Amino acid sequence: MAVRIRLSRKGAKKKPFYRIVAADSEAPRDGSFLEVLGTYDPLKEPAEVKVKSDLLQKWLDQGATLSDTVSSLLKARGLLPPAAKGEAVAAQS
């Protein structure tokens, strides 16, 4: 089972609210999930992202992958742990 960290839509029509969840990569978008890692509210000004960093790191350590959307949300707000960015760390001499 491949685990993916992605968004799950909640809220009413025309008023989206998302949960950041760890889910099986083959499960439906709003289907079952393994754990809620945070929330994303695009309607607030500015958009609000809340993440439980310890849970996010736990799932990344276990091999979970980030969806493109979650990755860009976390990078834009500086919430993505440095090891998970996928960027090579240059050796300093």
PDB file of N, CA and C in Angstrom:
ATOM      1  N   MET A   1       0.847  -1.178   0.000  1.00  0.00           N
ATOM      2  CA  MET A   1       0.000   0.000   0.000  1.00  0.00           C
ATOM      3  C   MET A   1       0.893   1.242   0.000  1.00  0.00           C
ATOM      4  N   ALA A   2       0.751   2.044  -1.042  1.00  0.00           N
ATOM      5  CA  ALA A   2       1.501   3.297  -1.131  1.00  0.00           C
ATOM      6  C   ALA A   2       0.694   4.399  -0.452  1.00  0.00           C
ATOM      7  N   VAL A   3       1.338   5.110   0.441  1.00  0.00           N
ATOM      8  CA  VAL A   3       0.651   6.183   1.170  1.00  0.00           C
ATOM      9  C   VAL A   3       0.986   7.515   0.523  1.00  0.00           C
ATOM     10  N   ARG A   4      -0.041   8.332   0.350  1.00  0.00           N
ATOM     11  CA  ARG A   4       0.103   9.639  -0.274  1.00  0.00           C
ATOM     12  C   ARG A   4      -0.487  10.684   0.670  1.00  0.00           C
ATOM     13  N   ILE A   5       0.204  11.803   0.819  1.00  0.00           N
ATOM     14  CA  ILE A   5      -0.308  12.914   1.623  1.00  0.00           C
ATOM     15  C   ILE A   5      -0.957  13.876   0.645  1.00  0.00           C
ATOM     16  N   ARG A   6      -2.268  14.076   0.792  1.00  0.00           N
ATOM     17  CA  ARG A   6      -3.021  14.860  -0.184  1.00  0.00           C
ATOM     18  C   ARG A   6      -4.186  15.579   0.477  1.00  0.00           C
ATOM     19  N   LEU A   7      -4.950  16.312  -0.340  1.00  0.00           N
ATOM     20  CA  LEU A   7      -6.095  17.062   0.157  1.00  0.00           C
ATOM     21  C   LEU A   7      -7.366  16.232   0.046  1.00  0.00           C
ATOM     22  N   SER A   8      -8.245  16.392   1.023  1.00  0.00           N
ATOM     23  CA  SER A   8      -9.570  15.796   1.008  1.00  0.00           C
ATOM     24  C   SER A   8     -10.562  16.937   1.186  1.00  0.00           C
ATOM     25  N   ARG A   9     -11.472  17.114   0.231  1.00  0.00           N
ATOM     26  CA  ARG A   9     -12.377  18.259   0.254  1.00  0.00           C
ATOM     27  C   ARG A   9     -13.523  18.063   1.243  1.00  0.00           C
ATOM     28  N   LYS A  10     -13.795  19.113   1.974  1.00  0.00           N
ATOM     29  CA  LYS A  10     -14.931  19.188   2.896  1.00  0.00           C
ATOM     30  C   LYS A  10     -15.605  20.531   2.652  1.00  0.00           C
ATOM     31  N   GLY A  11     -16.618  20.859   3.420  1.00  0.00           N
ATOM     32  CA  GLY A  11     -17.283  22.143   3.276  1.00  0.00           C
ATOM     33  C   GLY A  11     -18.506  22.046   2.380  1.00  0.00           C
ATOM     34  N   ALA A  12     -19.151  23.174   2.187  1.00  0.00           N
ATOM     35  CA  ALA A  12     -20.371  23.232   1.393  1.00  0.00           C
ATOM     36  C   ALA A  12     -20.068  23.603  -0.055  1.00  0.00           C
ATOM     37  N   LYS A  13     -21.108  23.573  -0.874  1.00  0.00           N
ATOM     38  CA  LYS A  13     -20.965  23.963  -2.264  1.00  0.00           C
ATOM     39  C   LYS A  13     -20.485  25.409  -2.346  1.00  0.00           C
ATOM     40  N   LYS A  14     -19.485  25.671  -3.175  1.00  0.00           N
ATOM     41  CA  LYS A  14     -18.887  26.994  -3.381  1.00  0.00           C
ATOM     42  C   LYS A  14     -18.123  27.513  -2.158  1.00  0.00           C
ATOM     43  N   LYS A  15     -17.987  26.690  -1.116  1.00  0.00           N
ATOM     44  CA  LYS A  15     -17.243  27.082   0.085  1.00  0.00           C
ATOM     45  C   LYS A  15     -16.311  25.944   0.486  1.00  0.00           C
ATOM     46  N   PRO A  16     -15.254  25.733  -0.303  1.00  0.00           N
ATOM     47  CA  PRO A  16     -14.385  24.586  -0.031  1.00  0.00           C
ATOM     48  C   PRO A  16     -13.541  24.758   1.228  1.00  0.00           C
ATOM     49  N   PHE A  17     -13.284  23.655   1.847  1.00  0.00           N
ATOM     50  CA  PHE A  17     -12.397  23.553   3.001  1.00  0.00           C
ATOM     51  C   PHE A  17     -11.723  22.197   2.854  1.00  0.00           C
ATOM     52  N   TYR A  18     -10.431  22.128   3.057  1.00  0.00           N
ATOM     53  CA  TYR A  18      -9.715  20.886   2.807  1.00  0.00           C
ATOM     54  C   TYR A  18      -9.015  20.384   4.062  1.00  0.00           C
ATOM     55  N   ARG A  19      -8.946  19.070   4.182  1.00  0.00           N
ATOM     56  CA  ARG A  19      -8.117  18.425   5.191  1.00  0.00           C
ATOM     57  C   ARG A  19      -6.872  17.913   4.479  1.00  0.00           C
ATOM     58  N   ILE A  20      -5.742  18.023   5.124  1.00  0.00           N
ATOM     59  CA  ILE A  20      -4.520  17.411   4.616  1.00  0.00           C
ATOM     60  C   ILE A  20      -4.450  16.047   5.293  1.00  0.00           C
ATOM     61  N   VAL A  21      -4.523  14.980   4.486  1.00  0.00           N
ATOM     62  CA  VAL A  21      -4.629  13.633   5.036  1.00  0.00           C
ATOM     63  C   VAL A  21      -3.564  12.703   4.471  1.00  0.00           C
ATOM     64  N   ALA A  22      -3.257  11.672   5.227  1.00  0.00           N
ATOM     65  CA  ALA A  22      -2.445  10.560   4.739  1.00  0.00           C
ATOM     66  C   ALA A  22      -3.435   9.478   4.326  1.00  0.00           C
ATOM     67  N   ALA A  23      -3.378   9.074   3.047  1.00  0.00           N
ATOM     68  CA  ALA A  23      -4.346   8.108   2.532  1.00  0.00           C
ATOM     69  C   ALA A  23      -3.670   7.133   1.582  1.00  0.00           C
ATOM     70  N   ASP A  24      -4.301   5.987   1.394  1.00  0.00           N
ATOM     71  CA  ASP A  24      -3.843   5.035   0.392  1.00  0.00           C
ATOM     72  C   ASP A  24      -3.942   5.720  -0.967  1.00  0.00           C
ATOM     73  N   SER A  25      -2.928   5.580  -1.795  1.00  0.00           N
ATOM     74  CA  SER A  25      -2.888   6.300  -3.070  1.00  0.00           C
ATOM     75  C   SER A  25      -4.017   5.899  -4.014  1.00  0.00           C
ATOM     76  N   GLU A  26      -4.633   4.739  -3.797  1.00  0.00           N
ATOM     77  CA  GLU A  26      -5.709   4.292  -4.675  1.00  0.00           C
ATOM     78  C   GLU A  26      -7.101   4.596  -4.122  1.00  0.00           C
ATOM     79  N   ALA A  27      -7.186   5.155  -2.927  1.00  0.00           N
ATOM     80  CA  ALA A  27      -8.481   5.492  -2.329  1.00  0.00           C
ATOM     81  C   ALA A  27      -9.056   6.732  -3.013  1.00  0.00           C
ATOM     82  N   PRO A  28     -10.386   6.873  -3.063  1.00  0.00           N
ATOM     83  CA  PRO A  28     -10.998   8.067  -3.657  1.00  0.00           C
ATOM     84  C   PRO A  28     -10.602   9.336  -2.901  1.00  0.00           C
ATOM     85  N   ARG A  29     -10.718  10.484  -3.569  1.00  0.00           N
ATOM     86  CA  ARG A  29     -10.299  11.761  -2.973  1.00  0.00           C
ATOM     87  C   ARG A  29     -10.932  11.990  -1.608  1.00  0.00           C
ATOM     88  N   ASP A  30     -12.220  11.786  -1.506  1.00  0.00           N
ATOM     89  CA  ASP A  30     -12.918  12.032  -0.247  1.00  0.00           C
ATOM     90  C   ASP A  30     -13.245  10.732   0.487  1.00  0.00           C
ATOM     91  N   GLY A  31     -12.571   9.661   0.121  1.00  0.00           N
ATOM     92  CA  GLY A  31     -12.814   8.361   0.735  1.00  0.00           C
ATOM     93  C   GLY A  31     -12.076   8.205   2.052  1.00  0.00           C
ATOM     94  N   SER A  32     -11.815   6.958   2.393  1.00  0.00           N
ATOM     95  CA  SER A  32     -11.165   6.683   3.675  1.00  0.00           C
ATOM     96  C   SER A  32      -9.724   7.172   3.669  1.00  0.00           C
ATOM     97  N   PHE A  33      -9.243   7.507   4.848  1.00  0.00           N
ATOM     98  CA  PHE A  33      -7.870   7.978   5.003  1.00  0.00           C
ATOM     99  C   PHE A  33      -7.295   7.362   6.267  1.00  0.00           C
ATOM    100  N   LEU A  34      -5.996   7.458   6.401  1.00  0.00           N
ATOM    101  CA  LEU A  34      -5.322   6.860   7.552  1.00  0.00           C
ATOM    102  C   LEU A  34      -5.235   7.817   8.733  1.00  0.00           C
ATOM    103  N   GLU A  35      -4.972   9.109   8.437  1.00  0.00           N
ATOM    104  CA  GLU A  35      -4.816  10.084   9.520  1.00  0.00           C
ATOM    105  C   GLU A  35      -4.952  11.502   8.968  1.00  0.00           C
ATOM    106  N   VAL A  36      -5.540  12.393   9.765  1.00  0.00           N
ATOM    107  CA  VAL A  36      -5.630  13.810   9.405  1.00  0.00           C
ATOM    108  C   VAL A  36      -4.357  14.499   9.886  1.00  0.00           C
ATOM    109  N   LEU A  37      -3.670  15.193   8.962  1.00  0.00           N
ATOM    110  CA  LEU A  37      -2.410  15.848   9.298  1.00  0.00           C
ATOM    111  C   LEU A  37      -2.550  17.355   9.437  1.00  0.00           C
ATOM    112  N   GLY A  38      -3.642  17.915   8.935  1.00  0.00           N
ATOM    113  CA  GLY A  38      -3.815  19.360   9.014  1.00  0.00           C
ATOM    114  C   GLY A  38      -5.014  19.816   8.201  1.00  0.00           C
ATOM    115  N   THR A  39      -5.111  21.144   8.018  1.00  0.00           N
ATOM    116  CA  THR A  39      -6.218  21.727   7.266  1.00  0.00           C
ATOM    117  C   THR A  39      -5.715  22.823   6.337  1.00  0.00           C
ATOM    118  N   TYR A  40      -6.530  23.123   5.321  1.00  0.00           N
ATOM    119  CA  TYR A  40      -6.244  24.200   4.373  1.00  0.00           C
ATOM    120  C   TYR A  40      -7.556  24.908   4.085  1.00  0.00           C
ATOM    121  N   ASP A  41      -7.612  26.209   4.362  1.00  0.00           N
ATOM    122  CA  ASP A  41      -8.807  27.012   4.109  1.00  0.00           C
ATOM    123  C   ASP A  41      -8.472  28.085   3.077  1.00  0.00           C
ATOM    124  N   PRO A  42      -8.821  27.858   1.800  1.00  0.00           N
ATOM    125  CA  PRO A  42      -8.470  28.808   0.742  1.00  0.00           C
ATOM    126  C   PRO A  42      -9.312  30.080   0.755  1.00  0.00           C
ATOM    127  N   LEU A  43     -10.410  30.107   1.496  1.00  0.00           N
ATOM    128  CA  LEU A  43     -11.295  31.272   1.484  1.00  0.00           C
ATOM    129  C   LEU A  43     -10.858  32.375   2.435  1.00  0.00           C
ATOM    130  N   LYS A  44     -10.014  32.058   3.385  1.00  0.00           N
ATOM    131  CA  LYS A  44      -9.515  33.102   4.291  1.00  0.00           C
ATOM    132  C   LYS A  44      -8.503  33.954   3.555  1.00  0.00           C
ATOM    133  N   GLU A  45      -8.341  35.174   3.993  1.00  0.00           N
ATOM    134  CA  GLU A  45      -7.405  36.098   3.357  1.00  0.00           C
ATOM    135  C   GLU A  45      -6.310  36.446   4.336  1.00  0.00           C
ATOM    136  N   PRO A  46      -5.082  36.004   4.207  1.00  0.00           N
ATOM    137  CA  PRO A  46      -4.580  35.055   3.202  1.00  0.00           C
ATOM    138  C   PRO A  46      -5.006  33.627   3.541  1.00  0.00           C
ATOM    139  N   ALA A  47      -4.891  32.748   2.562  1.00  0.00           N
ATOM    140  CA  ALA A  47      -5.288  31.349   2.745  1.00  0.00           C
ATOM    141  C   ALA A  47      -4.557  30.761   3.952  1.00  0.00           C
ATOM    142  N   GLU A  48      -5.281  29.983   4.736  1.00  0.00           N
ATOM    143  CA  GLU A  48      -4.744  29.459   5.993  1.00  0.00           C
ATOM    144  C   GLU A  48      -4.381  27.978   5.862  1.00  0.00           C
ATOM    145  N   VAL A  49      -3.158  27.649   6.233  1.00  0.00           N
ATOM    146  CA  VAL A  49      -2.696  26.261   6.241  1.00  0.00           C
ATOM    147  C   VAL A  49      -2.212  25.937   7.647  1.00  0.00           C
ATOM    148  N   LYS A  50      -2.776  24.887   8.234  1.00  0.00           N
ATOM    149  CA  LYS A  50      -2.339  24.412   9.551  1.00  0.00           C
ATOM    150  C   LYS A  50      -1.914  22.959   9.393  1.00  0.00           C
ATOM    151  N   VAL A  51      -0.716  22.645   9.884  1.00  0.00           N
ATOM    152  CA  VAL A  51      -0.188  21.287   9.750  1.00  0.00           C
ATOM    153  C   VAL A  51       0.405  20.837  11.077  1.00  0.00           C
ATOM    154  N   LYS A  52       0.143  19.592  11.439  1.00  0.00           N
ATOM    155  CA  LYS A  52       0.780  18.988  12.610  1.00  0.00           C
ATOM    156  C   LYS A  52       2.133  18.462  12.137  1.00  0.00           C
ATOM    157  N   SER A  53       3.175  19.242  12.374  1.00  0.00           N
ATOM    158  CA  SER A  53       4.510  18.942  11.844  1.00  0.00           C
ATOM    159  C   SER A  53       5.033  17.578  12.268  1.00  0.00           C
ATOM    160  N   ASP A  54       4.758  17.190  13.507  1.00  0.00           N
ATOM    161  CA  ASP A  54       5.260  15.902  13.977  1.00  0.00           C
ATOM    162  C   ASP A  54       4.627  14.741  13.212  1.00  0.00           C
ATOM    163  N   LEU A  55       3.316  14.839  12.936  1.00  0.00           N
ATOM    164  CA  LEU A  55       2.645  13.784  12.178  1.00  0.00           C
ATOM    165  C   LEU A  55       3.101  13.773  10.722  1.00  0.00           C
ATOM    166  N   LEU A  56       3.285  14.958  10.147  1.00  0.00           N
ATOM    167  CA  LEU A  56       3.769  15.049   8.768  1.00  0.00           C
ATOM    168  C   LEU A  56       5.134  14.380   8.650  1.00  0.00           C
ATOM    169  N   GLN A  57       6.026  14.694   9.572  1.00  0.00           N
ATOM    170  CA  GLN A  57       7.367  14.108   9.537  1.00  0.00           C
ATOM    171  C   GLN A  57       7.316  12.600   9.738  1.00  0.00           C
ATOM    172  N   LYS A  58       6.415  12.135  10.605  1.00  0.00           N
ATOM    173  CA  LYS A  58       6.275  10.695  10.845  1.00  0.00           C
ATOM    174  C   LYS A  58       5.919   9.967   9.550  1.00  0.00           C
ATOM    175  N   TRP A  59       4.949  10.496   8.804  1.00  0.00           N
ATOM    176  CA  TRP A  59       4.527   9.853   7.560  1.00  0.00           C
ATOM    177  C   TRP A  59       5.590   9.952   6.478  1.00  0.00           C
ATOM    178  N   LEU A  60       6.300  11.072   6.423  1.00  0.00           N
ATOM    179  CA  LEU A  60       7.375  11.201   5.434  1.00  0.00           C
ATOM    180  C   LEU A  60       8.504  10.218   5.739  1.00  0.00           C
ATOM    181  N   ASP A  61       8.800  10.019   7.024  1.00  0.00           N
ATOM    182  CA  ASP A  61       9.829   9.058   7.428  1.00  0.00           C
ATOM    183  C   ASP A  61       9.430   7.626   7.073  1.00  0.00           C
ATOM    184  N   GLN A  62       8.124   7.357   7.056  1.00  0.00           N
ATOM    185  CA  GLN A  62       7.635   6.019   6.722  1.00  0.00           C
ATOM    186  C   GLN A  62       7.518   5.812   5.213  1.00  0.00           C
ATOM    187  N   GLY A  63       7.869   6.830   4.418  1.00  0.00           N
ATOM    188  CA  GLY A  63       7.885   6.664   2.964  1.00  0.00           C
ATOM    189  C   GLY A  63       6.694   7.237   2.223  1.00  0.00           C
ATOM    190  N   ALA A  64       5.840   7.985   2.892  1.00  0.00           N
ATOM    191  CA  ALA A  64       4.702   8.602   2.212  1.00  0.00           C
ATOM    192  C   ALA A  64       5.200   9.682   1.258  1.00  0.00           C
ATOM    193  N   THR A  65       4.462   9.886   0.163  1.00  0.00           N
ATOM    194  CA  THR A  65       4.828  10.923  -0.798  1.00  0.00           C
ATOM    195  C   THR A  65       3.786  12.032  -0.767  1.00  0.00           C
ATOM    196  N   LEU A  66       4.212  13.242  -1.102  1.00  0.00           N
ATOM    197  CA  LEU A  66       3.318  14.394  -1.119  1.00  0.00           C
ATOM    198  C   LEU A  66       2.694  14.552  -2.497  1.00  0.00           C
ATOM    199  N   SER A  67       1.423  14.938  -2.542  1.00  0.00           N
ATOM    200  CA  SER A  67       0.826  15.293  -3.827  1.00  0.00           C
ATOM    201  C   SER A  67       1.434  16.620  -4.265  1.00  0.00           C
ATOM    202  N   ASP A  68       1.329  16.932  -5.544  1.00  0.00           N
ATOM    203  CA  ASP A  68       1.894  18.182  -6.055  1.00  0.00           C
ATOM    204  C   ASP A  68       1.281  19.391  -5.354  1.00  0.00           C
ATOM    205  N   THR A  69      -0.028  19.356  -5.134  1.00  0.00           N
ATOM    206  CA  THR A  69      -0.720  20.479  -4.503  1.00  0.00           C
ATOM    207  C   THR A  69      -0.265  20.684  -3.065  1.00  0.00           C
ATOM    208  N   VAL A  70      -0.211  19.623  -2.298  1.00  0.00           N
ATOM    209  CA  VAL A  70       0.218  19.727  -0.898  1.00  0.00           C
ATOM    210  C   VAL A  70       1.671  20.180  -0.833  1.00  0.00           C
ATOM    211  N   SER A  71       2.493  19.652  -1.711  1.00  0.00           N
ATOM    212  CA  SER A  71       3.901  20.040  -1.738  1.00  0.00           C
ATOM    213  C   SER A  71       4.055  21.537  -1.987  1.00  0.00           C
ATOM    214  N   SER A  72       3.333  22.077  -2.970  1.00  0.00           N
ATOM    215  CA  SER A  72       3.447  23.507  -3.267  1.00  0.00           C
ATOM    216  C   SER A  72       2.866  24.367  -2.147  1.00  0.00           C
ATOM    217  N   LEU A  73       1.788  23.916  -1.500  1.00  0.00           N
ATOM    218  CA  LEU A  73       1.216  24.654  -0.366  1.00  0.00           C
ATOM    219  C   LEU A  73       2.220  24.751   0.781  1.00  0.00           C
ATOM    220  N   LEU A  74       2.837  23.636   1.109  1.00  0.00           N
ATOM    221  CA  LEU A  74       3.772  23.609   2.229  1.00  0.00           C
ATOM    222  C   LEU A  74       5.055  24.374   1.915  1.00  0.00           C
ATOM    223  N   LYS A  75       5.541  24.268   0.690  1.00  0.00           N
ATOM    224  CA  LYS A  75       6.748  25.002   0.305  1.00  0.00           C
ATOM    225  C   LYS A  75       6.508  26.505   0.345  1.00  0.00           C
ATOM    226  N   ALA A  76       5.359  26.955  -0.149  1.00  0.00           N
ATOM    227  CA  ALA A  76       5.054  28.383  -0.208  1.00  0.00           C
ATOM    228  C   ALA A  76       4.990  29.004   1.182  1.00  0.00           C
ATOM    229  N   ARG A  77       4.623  28.215   2.174  1.00  0.00           N
ATOM    230  CA  ARG A  77       4.497  28.733   3.533  1.00  0.00           C
ATOM    231  C   ARG A  77       5.662  28.329   4.427  1.00  0.00           C
ATOM    232  N   GLY A  78       6.649  27.662   3.860  1.00  0.00           N
ATOM    233  CA  GLY A  78       7.829  27.268   4.627  1.00  0.00           C
ATOM    234  C   GLY A  78       7.552  26.196   5.662  1.00  0.00           C
ATOM    235  N   LEU A  79       6.516  25.388   5.452  1.00  0.00           N
ATOM    236  CA  LEU A  79       6.145  24.363   6.423  1.00  0.00           C
ATOM    237  C   LEU A  79       6.714  22.993   6.094  1.00  0.00           C
ATOM    238  N   LEU A  80       7.327  22.864   4.936  1.00  0.00           N
ATOM    239  CA  LEU A  80       7.860  21.574   4.524  1.00  0.00           C
ATOM    240  C   LEU A  80       9.224  21.357   5.162  1.00  0.00           C
ATOM    241  N   PRO A  81       9.413  20.233   5.846  1.00  0.00           N
ATOM    242  CA  PRO A  81      10.721  19.962   6.451  1.00  0.00           C
ATOM    243  C   PRO A  81      11.809  19.938   5.378  1.00  0.00           C
ATOM    244  N   PRO A  82      13.012  20.426   5.667  1.00  0.00           N
ATOM    245  CA  PRO A  82      14.077  20.521   4.670  1.00  0.00           C
ATOM    246  C   PRO A  82      14.402  19.203   3.977  1.00  0.00           C
ATOM    247  N   ALA A  83      14.382  18.084   4.688  1.00  0.00           N
ATOM    248  CA  ALA A  83      14.736  16.801   4.085  1.00  0.00           C
ATOM    249  C   ALA A  83      13.690  16.345   3.076  1.00  0.00           C
ATOM    250  N   ALA A  84      12.470  16.846   3.172  1.00  0.00           N
ATOM    251  CA  ALA A  84      11.392  16.383   2.308  1.00  0.00           C
ATOM    252  C   ALA A  84      11.264  17.192   1.027  1.00  0.00           C
ATOM    253  N   LYS A  85      12.032  18.252   0.890  1.00  0.00           N
ATOM    254  CA  LYS A  85      11.901  19.092  -0.293  1.00  0.00           C
ATOM    255  C   LYS A  85      12.442  18.428  -1.549  1.00  0.00           C
ATOM    256  N   GLY A  86      13.281  17.423  -1.393  1.00  0.00           N
ATOM    257  CA  GLY A  86      13.831  16.745  -2.549  1.00  0.00           C
ATOM    258  C   GLY A  86      14.959  17.510  -3.209  1.00  0.00           C
ATOM    259  N   GLU A  87      15.462  18.513  -2.540  1.00  0.00           N
ATOM    260  CA  GLU A  87      16.553  19.304  -3.093  1.00  0.00           C
ATOM    261  C   GLU A  87      17.872  18.785  -2.527  1.00  0.00           C
ATOM    262  N   ALA A  88      18.859  18.714  -3.374  1.00  0.00           N
ATOM    263  CA  ALA A  88      20.173  18.264  -2.930  1.00  0.00           C
ATOM    264  C   ALA A  88      20.805  19.331  -2.050  1.00  0.00           C
ATOM    265  N   VAL A  89      21.432  18.903  -0.998  1.00  0.00           N
ATOM    266  CA  VAL A  89      22.111  19.828  -0.100  1.00  0.00           C
ATOM    267  C   VAL A  89      23.566  19.918  -0.544  1.00  0.00           C
ATOM    268  N   ALA A  90      24.007  21.121  -0.876  1.00  0.00           N
ATOM    269  CA  ALA A  90      25.375  21.314  -1.357  1.00  0.00           C
ATOM    270  C   ALA A  90      26.358  21.175  -0.203  1.00  0.00           C
ATOM    271  N   ALA A  91      27.446  20.493  -0.472  1.00  0.00           N
ATOM    272  CA  ALA A  91      28.486  20.326   0.545  1.00  0.00           C
ATOM    273  C   ALA A  91      29.281  21.618   0.667  1.00  0.00           C
ATOM    274  N   GLN A  92      29.479  22.064   1.887  1.00  0.00           N
ATOM    275  CA  GLN A  92      30.248  23.286   2.111  1.00  0.00           C
ATOM    276  C   GLN A  92      31.694  22.916   2.385  1.00  0.00           C
ATOM    277  N   SER A  93      32.610  23.644   1.747  1.00  0.00           N
ATOM    278  CA  SER A  93      34.024  23.344   1.964  1.00  0.00           C
ATOM    279  C   SER A  93      34.715  24.433   2.726  1.00  0.00           C
TER     280      SER A  93
END
